[in-house]
Amino acid sequence: KVRASACLDQLSLRDAADPKESFLSRLAQAPGLEHFQNVVLVSSFQDQYAPFESARMEMSRCVETDTAFGDVYRDMVKNLVEKIKPERLLRVDIDFFMPETNLDTMIGRAAHIQFIECQPLQRMFVHS
């Protein structure tokens, strides 16, 4: 059982009575991204912990039918992406080679961890 966590409440937009007043929704409205020379968003379909579209700041098809959070999510994506000049935004989709099948690969945890542990990937982003 997952214990009550402020972080999980924030990630699920449940840290405020009105999702539009949640921490992440307010953070999406704050300035900041426009000051970066480049913004690189890295995602993987294999990562089941961070939703693919969310990691890429793109709209998910689920937004259309989500009556509780659809409008908030749509506004968040718009607020975040409109701050970045298109030529400064790079979206990278990673497909990790994972030859063995285990619990971590089946639940999508292995790919999530690979973003942190894959040194060649880290070097590519740091030295590019």
Protein backbone atom coordinates (compact mmCIF):
# COMPACT_ATOMS: atom_id res chain seq x y z
CA LYS A 1 0.00 0.00 0.00
CA VAL A 2 1.33 3.44 -0.93
CA ARG A 3 1.33 5.81 2.01
CA ALA A 4 0.02 9.33 1.79
CA SER A 5 2.63 11.44 0.10
CA ALA A 6 2.68 15.14 -0.77
CA CYS A 7 4.64 14.30 -3.92
CA LEU A 8 2.08 11.73 -5.10
CA ASP A 9 -0.73 14.17 -4.33
CA GLN A 10 1.03 16.82 -6.42
CA LEU A 11 1.75 14.44 -9.32
CA SER A 12 -1.90 13.37 -9.38
CA LEU A 13 -3.12 17.02 -9.15
CA ARG A 14 -4.89 16.16 -5.90
CA ASP A 15 -3.02 18.54 -3.62
CA ALA A 16 -5.74 21.20 -3.94
CA ALA A 17 -9.52 21.08 -3.94
CA ASP A 18 -9.50 22.63 -7.43
CA PRO A 19 -6.98 20.93 -9.79
CA LYS A 20 -6.38 24.34 -11.43
CA GLU A 21 -4.93 25.45 -8.09
CA SER A 22 -2.67 22.41 -7.72
CA PHE A 23 1.08 22.87 -7.42
CA LEU A 24 1.87 21.50 -10.88
CA SER A 25 -0.84 23.56 -12.54
CA ARG A 26 0.48 26.73 -10.91
CA LEU A 27 4.06 25.74 -11.74
CA ALA A 28 3.12 25.33 -15.43
CA GLN A 29 1.96 28.96 -15.41
CA ALA A 30 5.18 30.28 -13.86
CA PRO A 31 7.89 31.77 -16.06
CA GLY A 32 11.20 30.01 -16.49
CA LEU A 33 11.39 27.67 -19.48
CA GLU A 34 11.75 30.58 -21.89
CA HIS A 35 15.14 31.37 -20.35
CA PHE A 36 16.73 28.09 -21.47
CA GLN A 37 18.72 27.98 -24.70
CA ASN A 38 17.48 24.45 -25.34
CA VAL A 39 14.86 22.22 -23.76
CA VAL A 40 15.26 18.47 -24.30
CA LEU A 41 12.36 16.21 -23.34
CA VAL A 42 13.26 12.53 -23.15
CA SER A 43 10.63 9.79 -23.19
CA SER A 44 10.18 6.08 -23.81
CA PHE A 45 7.12 3.96 -24.50
CA GLN A 46 8.82 1.31 -22.37
CA ASP A 47 8.63 3.59 -19.31
CA GLN A 48 5.31 2.88 -17.65
CA TYR A 49 6.03 5.17 -14.68
CA ALA A 50 6.12 8.47 -16.58
CA PRO A 51 3.37 8.66 -19.22
CA PHE A 52 4.88 9.06 -22.71
CA GLU A 53 2.91 12.16 -23.69
CA SER A 54 3.45 13.76 -20.30
CA ALA A 55 7.23 13.33 -20.52
CA ARG A 56 7.11 15.00 -23.95
CA MET A 57 4.67 17.76 -22.88
CA GLU A 58 2.19 16.63 -25.52
CA MET A 59 -1.55 16.06 -25.45
CA SER A 60 -2.76 12.58 -24.71
CA ARG A 61 -5.88 11.21 -26.34
CA CYS A 62 -7.16 10.50 -22.82
CA VAL A 63 -7.47 14.26 -22.22
CA GLU A 64 -10.55 14.45 -24.43
CA THR A 65 -12.56 12.14 -22.17
CA ASP A 66 -11.09 13.10 -18.78
CA THR A 67 -13.77 15.30 -17.22
CA ALA A 68 -11.87 15.74 -13.95
CA PHE A 69 -8.43 16.76 -15.23
CA GLY A 70 -8.66 17.11 -19.03
CA ASP A 71 -9.00 20.89 -19.11
CA VAL A 72 -6.27 21.34 -16.51
CA TYR A 73 -3.87 19.06 -18.37
CA ARG A 74 -4.61 20.81 -21.68
CA ASP A 75 -3.90 24.20 -20.08
CA MET A 76 -0.70 22.91 -18.49
CA VAL A 77 0.66 21.62 -21.80
CA LYS A 78 -0.27 24.86 -23.55
CA ASN A 79 1.26 27.01 -20.80
CA LEU A 80 4.51 25.04 -20.82
CA VAL A 81 5.02 24.63 -24.56
CA GLU A 82 4.07 28.17 -25.59
CA LYS A 83 6.99 29.52 -23.53
CA ILE A 84 9.56 27.63 -25.63
CA LYS A 85 10.53 28.69 -29.13
CA PRO A 86 9.99 25.66 -31.42
CA GLU A 87 13.59 25.68 -32.61
CA ARG A 88 14.76 25.34 -29.00
CA LEU A 89 12.59 22.32 -28.17
CA LEU A 90 13.84 18.79 -28.85
CA ARG A 91 11.80 15.70 -28.07
CA VAL A 92 13.79 12.47 -27.91
CA ASP A 93 12.17 9.04 -27.84
CA ILE A 94 14.45 6.34 -26.42
CA ASP A 95 14.01 2.64 -27.08
CA PHE A 96 16.15 0.74 -24.58
CA PHE A 97 17.55 -2.68 -25.46
CA MET A 98 16.53 -4.97 -22.63
CA PRO A 99 17.08 -8.58 -23.65
CA GLU A 100 15.82 -10.20 -20.47
CA THR A 101 12.24 -10.23 -19.28
CA ASN A 102 11.68 -9.81 -15.59
CA LEU A 103 9.25 -8.08 -13.27
CA ASP A 104 10.92 -4.69 -13.78
CA THR A 105 10.65 -4.89 -17.58
CA MET A 106 7.05 -6.08 -17.42
CA ILE A 107 5.89 -3.21 -15.18
CA GLY A 108 7.91 -0.56 -17.04
CA ARG A 109 10.25 0.18 -14.15
CA ALA A 110 13.40 -0.97 -15.97
CA ALA A 111 13.10 1.71 -18.68
CA HIS A 112 12.32 4.36 -16.08
CA ILE A 113 15.52 3.48 -14.20
CA GLN A 114 17.56 3.32 -17.43
CA PHE A 115 17.16 7.08 -17.86
CA ILE A 116 19.12 7.47 -14.63
CA GLU A 117 21.57 4.58 -14.90
CA CYS A 118 22.46 4.53 -18.62
CA GLN A 119 25.84 6.27 -18.71
CA PRO A 120 26.12 6.39 -22.53
CA LEU A 121 22.77 8.21 -22.63
CA GLN A 122 23.93 10.63 -19.94
CA ARG A 123 27.18 11.32 -21.79
CA MET A 124 25.30 11.91 -25.03
CA PHE A 125 23.17 14.62 -23.45
CA VAL A 126 25.93 16.22 -21.41
CA HIS A 127 28.47 16.39 -24.23
CA SER A 128 26.13 17.30 -27.08
